[in-house]
N, C-alpha and C. Protein backbone atom coordinates (compact mmCIF):
# COMPACT_ATOMS: atom_id res chain seq x y z
N UNK A 1 24.60 18.07 -32.59
CA UNK A 1 24.96 16.93 -33.34
C UNK A 1 25.96 17.10 -34.42
N UNK A 2 26.89 16.55 -34.88
CA UNK A 2 27.83 16.71 -35.69
C UNK A 2 27.46 15.70 -37.21
N UNK A 3 27.61 16.44 -38.26
CA UNK A 3 27.24 15.81 -39.53
C UNK A 3 28.55 14.86 -39.73
N UNK A 4 28.37 13.37 -40.08
CA UNK A 4 29.45 12.76 -40.53
C UNK A 4 29.32 12.31 -41.97
N UNK A 5 30.48 11.92 -42.60
CA UNK A 5 30.51 11.44 -44.04
C UNK A 5 30.45 9.95 -44.25
N UNK A 6 29.57 9.27 -43.50
CA UNK A 6 29.55 8.00 -43.66
C UNK A 6 29.11 7.20 -44.87
N UNK A 7 28.40 8.02 -45.56
CA UNK A 7 27.84 7.43 -46.84
C UNK A 7 28.81 7.13 -47.90
N UNK A 8 29.76 8.16 -48.07
CA UNK A 8 30.75 7.97 -49.12
C UNK A 8 31.87 7.09 -48.59
N UNK A 9 31.99 6.92 -47.08
CA UNK A 9 33.08 5.97 -46.61
C UNK A 9 32.52 4.62 -46.39
N UNK A 10 31.32 4.40 -46.43
CA UNK A 10 30.87 3.10 -46.39
C UNK A 10 30.30 2.67 -47.78
N UNK A 11 30.90 1.93 -48.56
CA UNK A 11 30.31 1.31 -49.89
C UNK A 11 29.18 0.40 -49.71
N UNK A 12 28.94 -0.27 -48.68
CA UNK A 12 27.82 -1.21 -48.50
C UNK A 12 26.59 -0.57 -47.79
N UNK A 13 26.49 0.94 -47.60
CA UNK A 13 25.63 1.65 -47.01
C UNK A 13 24.09 1.42 -47.74
N UNK A 14 23.08 0.92 -46.85
CA UNK A 14 21.70 0.71 -47.63
C UNK A 14 20.69 1.90 -47.31
N UNK A 15 20.59 2.75 -47.97
CA UNK A 15 19.76 3.95 -47.57
C UNK A 15 18.28 3.31 -47.24
N UNK A 16 17.61 2.54 -48.27
CA UNK A 16 16.35 2.00 -48.10
C UNK A 16 16.31 1.01 -46.90
N UNK A 17 17.31 0.56 -46.42
CA UNK A 17 17.16 -0.42 -45.10
C UNK A 17 16.99 0.61 -44.12
N UNK A 18 18.11 1.61 -44.02
CA UNK A 18 17.89 2.63 -42.98
C UNK A 18 16.60 3.43 -42.80
N UNK A 19 16.19 3.73 -44.06
CA UNK A 19 14.67 4.46 -43.92
C UNK A 19 13.85 3.38 -43.43
N UNK A 20 13.69 2.10 -43.77
CA UNK A 20 12.75 1.19 -43.38
C UNK A 20 12.87 0.87 -41.88
N UNK A 21 14.03 0.76 -41.36
CA UNK A 21 14.22 0.51 -39.94
C UNK A 21 13.72 1.83 -39.17
N UNK A 22 14.12 2.86 -39.50
CA UNK A 22 13.68 4.18 -38.87
C UNK A 22 12.21 4.23 -38.95
N UNK A 23 11.41 4.19 -40.08
CA UNK A 23 10.06 4.06 -40.29
C UNK A 23 9.31 3.05 -39.33
N UNK A 24 9.86 1.76 -39.19
CA UNK A 24 9.41 0.73 -38.21
C UNK A 24 9.60 1.01 -36.71
N UNK A 25 10.69 1.77 -36.46
CA UNK A 25 10.94 2.19 -35.06
C UNK A 25 9.60 3.23 -34.46
N UNK A 26 9.07 3.74 -35.36
CA UNK A 26 8.24 4.69 -34.78
C UNK A 26 8.41 5.55 -34.04
N UNK A 27 9.85 5.80 -33.92
CA UNK A 27 10.47 6.94 -33.05
C UNK A 27 10.46 8.15 -33.38
N UNK A 28 10.51 8.54 -34.58
CA UNK A 28 10.58 9.69 -35.07
C UNK A 28 11.85 10.70 -34.83
N UNK A 29 11.92 11.96 -35.54
CA UNK A 29 13.13 12.68 -35.25
C UNK A 29 13.00 13.24 -33.70
N UNK A 30 12.09 13.41 -33.10
CA UNK A 30 11.95 13.81 -31.67
C UNK A 30 12.59 12.51 -30.88
N UNK A 31 12.32 11.41 -31.18
CA UNK A 31 12.64 10.30 -30.39
C UNK A 31 14.13 10.16 -30.67
N UNK A 32 14.63 10.46 -31.79
CA UNK A 32 16.08 10.46 -32.04
C UNK A 32 17.05 11.30 -31.26
N UNK A 33 16.60 12.55 -31.12
CA UNK A 33 16.83 13.55 -30.44
C UNK A 33 16.89 13.31 -29.04
N UNK A 34 15.92 12.62 -28.50
CA UNK A 34 15.68 12.37 -26.95
C UNK A 34 16.52 11.08 -26.53
N UNK A 35 16.86 10.16 -27.66
CA UNK A 35 17.65 9.08 -27.36
C UNK A 35 19.18 9.33 -27.05
N UNK A 36 19.54 10.48 -27.26
CA UNK A 36 21.04 10.94 -26.85
C UNK A 36 21.94 10.55 -28.11
N UNK A 37 21.52 10.46 -29.35
CA UNK A 37 22.39 10.44 -30.47
C UNK A 37 23.60 11.75 -30.45
N UNK A 38 24.69 11.31 -30.94
CA UNK A 38 25.58 12.41 -31.08
C UNK A 38 26.05 12.73 -32.44
N UNK A 39 25.62 11.98 -33.44
CA UNK A 39 25.83 12.33 -34.92
C UNK A 39 24.46 12.28 -35.59
N UNK A 40 24.38 13.01 -36.65
CA UNK A 40 23.35 12.88 -37.61
C UNK A 40 23.36 11.63 -38.47
N UNK A 41 22.14 10.79 -38.28
CA UNK A 41 22.11 9.52 -38.97
C UNK A 41 22.21 9.78 -40.56
N UNK A 42 22.84 8.83 -41.05
CA UNK A 42 23.32 8.98 -42.43
C UNK A 42 21.93 9.43 -43.39
N UNK A 43 20.82 8.84 -43.34
CA UNK A 43 19.91 9.04 -44.00
C UNK A 43 19.40 10.69 -44.20
N UNK A 44 19.92 11.39 -43.29
CA UNK A 44 19.50 12.86 -43.10
C UNK A 44 20.65 13.40 -43.74
N UNK A 45 21.70 12.82 -44.24
CA UNK A 45 22.80 13.60 -44.66
C UNK A 45 23.06 13.50 -46.33
N UNK A 46 23.10 14.68 -46.94
CA UNK A 46 23.13 14.63 -48.40
C UNK A 46 24.38 15.09 -48.81
N UNK A 47 25.09 14.54 -49.75
CA UNK A 47 26.16 14.98 -50.38
C UNK A 47 26.43 16.38 -50.96
N UNK A 48 27.29 17.06 -50.97
CA UNK A 48 27.42 18.34 -51.38
C UNK A 48 26.93 18.48 -52.81
N UNK A 49 27.26 17.48 -53.76
CA UNK A 49 26.76 17.45 -55.11
C UNK A 49 25.27 17.49 -55.35
N UNK A 50 24.44 16.84 -54.02
CA UNK A 50 23.25 16.69 -54.34
C UNK A 50 22.59 18.08 -53.91
N UNK A 51 23.23 18.48 -52.83
CA UNK A 51 22.63 19.86 -52.13
C UNK A 51 22.85 20.97 -53.24
N UNK A 52 23.93 21.03 -53.98
CA UNK A 52 24.13 22.25 -54.93
C UNK A 52 23.11 22.21 -56.19
N UNK A 53 22.51 20.82 -56.24
CA UNK A 53 21.56 20.97 -57.38
C UNK A 53 19.88 21.34 -56.82
N UNK A 54 19.80 21.36 -55.49
CA UNK A 54 18.49 21.72 -55.17
C UNK A 54 18.15 23.22 -55.19
N UNK A 55 16.79 23.35 -55.65
CA UNK A 55 16.25 24.73 -55.71
C UNK A 55 16.22 25.36 -54.67
N UNK A 56 16.59 26.58 -54.63
CA UNK A 56 16.49 27.39 -53.53
C UNK A 56 14.83 28.04 -53.47
N UNK A 57 14.10 28.21 -52.48
CA UNK A 57 12.85 28.79 -52.58
C UNK A 57 12.93 30.24 -53.04
N UNK A 58 12.01 30.74 -53.85
CA UNK A 58 12.10 32.01 -54.28
C UNK A 58 10.58 32.65 -53.72
N UNK A 59 10.75 33.98 -53.74
CA UNK A 59 9.56 34.52 -53.19
C UNK A 59 8.30 34.17 -53.71
N UNK A 60 8.15 33.79 -55.25
CA UNK A 60 6.96 33.48 -56.00
C UNK A 60 6.56 32.14 -55.59
N UNK A 61 7.34 31.24 -55.18
CA UNK A 61 7.00 29.86 -54.63
C UNK A 61 6.81 29.64 -53.37
N UNK A 62 7.13 30.52 -52.63
CA UNK A 62 6.78 30.44 -51.08
C UNK A 62 5.36 30.70 -50.70
N UNK A 63 4.84 29.33 -50.15
CA UNK A 63 3.34 29.54 -49.72
C UNK A 63 3.11 29.84 -48.23
N UNK A 64 2.02 30.40 -47.93
CA UNK A 64 1.75 30.65 -46.61
C UNK A 64 0.46 29.90 -46.25
N UNK A 65 0.32 29.30 -44.86
CA UNK A 65 -0.78 28.63 -44.34
C UNK A 65 -1.86 29.82 -44.43
N UNK A 66 -3.09 29.40 -45.03
CA UNK A 66 -4.20 30.13 -45.13
C UNK A 66 -4.50 30.61 -43.91
N UNK A 67 -4.86 32.16 -43.76
CA UNK A 67 -5.34 32.84 -42.76
C UNK A 67 -6.89 33.37 -43.02
N UNK A 68 -7.56 32.76 -41.84
CA UNK A 68 -9.00 33.24 -41.82
C UNK A 68 -9.38 34.12 -40.91
N UNK A 69 -9.85 35.51 -41.06
CA UNK A 69 -10.04 36.24 -40.39
C UNK A 69 -11.64 36.29 -40.18
N UNK A 70 -11.81 36.13 -38.75
CA UNK A 70 -13.19 36.18 -38.52
C UNK A 70 -13.97 37.38 -37.98
N UNK A 71 -13.24 38.39 -38.11
CA UNK A 71 -13.77 39.83 -37.50
C UNK A 71 -14.92 40.11 -38.14
N UNK A 72 -15.29 39.83 -39.32
CA UNK A 72 -16.48 39.87 -40.06
C UNK A 72 -17.47 38.96 -40.05
N UNK A 73 -17.26 38.07 -39.14
CA UNK A 73 -18.31 36.93 -38.93
C UNK A 73 -19.70 37.33 -38.91
N UNK A 74 -19.94 38.43 -38.11
CA UNK A 74 -21.36 38.70 -37.83
C UNK A 74 -21.82 39.72 -39.03
N UNK A 75 -21.04 40.10 -40.10
CA UNK A 75 -21.52 41.01 -40.92
C UNK A 75 -22.06 40.11 -42.01
N UNK A 76 -23.62 40.16 -42.41
CA UNK A 76 -24.07 39.40 -43.40
C UNK A 76 -23.46 39.55 -44.70
N UNK A 77 -23.26 40.72 -45.03
CA UNK A 77 -22.50 40.97 -46.52
C UNK A 77 -21.13 40.26 -46.60
N UNK A 78 -20.48 39.97 -45.51
CA UNK A 78 -19.33 39.37 -45.61
C UNK A 78 -19.23 37.88 -45.52
N UNK A 79 -20.22 37.31 -45.18
CA UNK A 79 -20.35 35.84 -44.74
C UNK A 79 -20.20 35.08 -45.92
N UNK A 80 -20.47 35.39 -46.92
CA UNK A 80 -20.25 34.63 -48.39
C UNK A 80 -18.64 34.50 -48.55
N UNK A 81 -18.12 35.71 -48.38
CA UNK A 81 -16.55 35.80 -48.57
C UNK A 81 -15.90 34.83 -47.75
N UNK A 82 -16.32 35.08 -46.47
CA UNK A 82 -15.62 34.07 -45.40
C UNK A 82 -15.74 32.70 -45.74
N UNK A 83 -16.82 32.17 -46.00
CA UNK A 83 -17.19 30.77 -46.38
C UNK A 83 -16.34 30.38 -47.50
N UNK A 84 -16.37 31.10 -48.49
CA UNK A 84 -15.39 30.76 -49.58
C UNK A 84 -14.09 30.69 -49.04
N UNK A 85 -13.44 31.50 -48.50
CA UNK A 85 -12.05 31.49 -47.95
C UNK A 85 -11.96 30.19 -47.30
N UNK A 86 -12.87 29.74 -46.25
CA UNK A 86 -12.61 28.53 -45.53
C UNK A 86 -12.89 27.23 -46.68
N UNK A 87 -13.63 27.41 -47.41
CA UNK A 87 -13.66 26.31 -48.48
C UNK A 87 -12.25 26.27 -49.36
N UNK A 88 -11.68 27.24 -49.48
CA UNK A 88 -10.65 27.36 -50.57
C UNK A 88 -9.50 26.72 -49.66
N UNK A 89 -9.43 27.24 -48.35
CA UNK A 89 -8.36 26.68 -47.43
C UNK A 89 -8.47 25.32 -47.06
N UNK A 90 -9.57 24.72 -46.79
CA UNK A 90 -9.79 23.43 -46.64
C UNK A 90 -9.59 22.42 -47.81
N UNK A 91 -9.95 22.85 -49.11
CA UNK A 91 -9.75 22.11 -50.27
C UNK A 91 -8.20 22.11 -50.79
N UNK A 92 -7.53 23.11 -50.53
CA UNK A 92 -6.33 23.22 -51.24
C UNK A 92 -5.11 22.88 -49.93
N UNK A 93 -5.47 23.38 -48.63
CA UNK A 93 -4.56 22.85 -47.61
C UNK A 93 -4.98 22.01 -46.86
N UNK A 94 -6.17 21.78 -46.48
CA UNK A 94 -6.61 20.77 -45.61
C UNK A 94 -6.79 21.26 -44.01
N UNK A 95 -6.19 22.54 -44.00
CA UNK A 95 -6.23 23.30 -42.58
C UNK A 95 -6.18 24.75 -42.75
N UNK A 96 -6.19 25.68 -41.79
CA UNK A 96 -6.02 27.05 -41.94
C UNK A 96 -6.01 27.51 -40.38
N UNK A 97 -5.24 28.74 -40.42
CA UNK A 97 -5.18 29.58 -39.19
C UNK A 97 -6.34 30.58 -38.98
N UNK A 98 -6.79 30.48 -37.79
CA UNK A 98 -7.94 31.45 -37.67
C UNK A 98 -7.50 32.90 -36.75
N UNK A 99 -7.82 33.77 -37.10
CA UNK A 99 -7.46 35.06 -36.27
C UNK A 99 -8.66 35.83 -36.03
N UNK A 100 -8.65 36.63 -35.02
CA UNK A 100 -9.79 37.39 -34.53
C UNK A 100 -10.99 36.69 -34.18
N UNK A 101 -10.92 35.42 -33.73
CA UNK A 101 -12.17 34.66 -33.28
C UNK A 101 -12.87 35.13 -32.08
N UNK A 102 -12.17 36.24 -31.24
CA UNK A 102 -12.90 36.46 -30.24
C UNK A 102 -13.93 37.42 -30.50
N UNK A 103 -14.09 37.90 -31.57
CA UNK A 103 -15.31 38.65 -32.04
C UNK A 103 -16.47 38.07 -32.06
N UNK A 104 -16.44 36.72 -32.24
CA UNK A 104 -17.73 35.68 -32.31
C UNK A 104 -18.42 35.70 -30.95
N UNK A 105 -17.69 36.24 -29.75
CA UNK A 105 -18.24 36.14 -28.37
C UNK A 105 -18.90 37.37 -28.26
N UNK A 106 -18.55 38.53 -28.66
CA UNK A 106 -19.10 39.79 -28.64
C UNK A 106 -20.34 40.06 -29.15
N UNK A 107 -21.31 40.74 -28.30
CA UNK A 107 -22.73 40.83 -29.04
C UNK A 107 -22.99 42.12 -29.39
């Protein structure tokens, strides 16, 4: 899809109206792509002067989805730490990734 510069070329462009119509269509970005569009809709295009003011992510601001390792699930001394990790992940993120869950099935 090619980006076009319709925003600056169209003085009567109504971004709020386009967002509202897009939202009400319940189509989503996937639906747009599947519809066969050939250019990026104006609401997704930002002029260079806006892009240049956006902050680039830095390593200290990068966040990662919480990772919960269940390999120590059956170790009583580690259970409290695991519960705290899950509590923190659900309260701050609402979800988390689980690894080593196969250990739960082993005796």
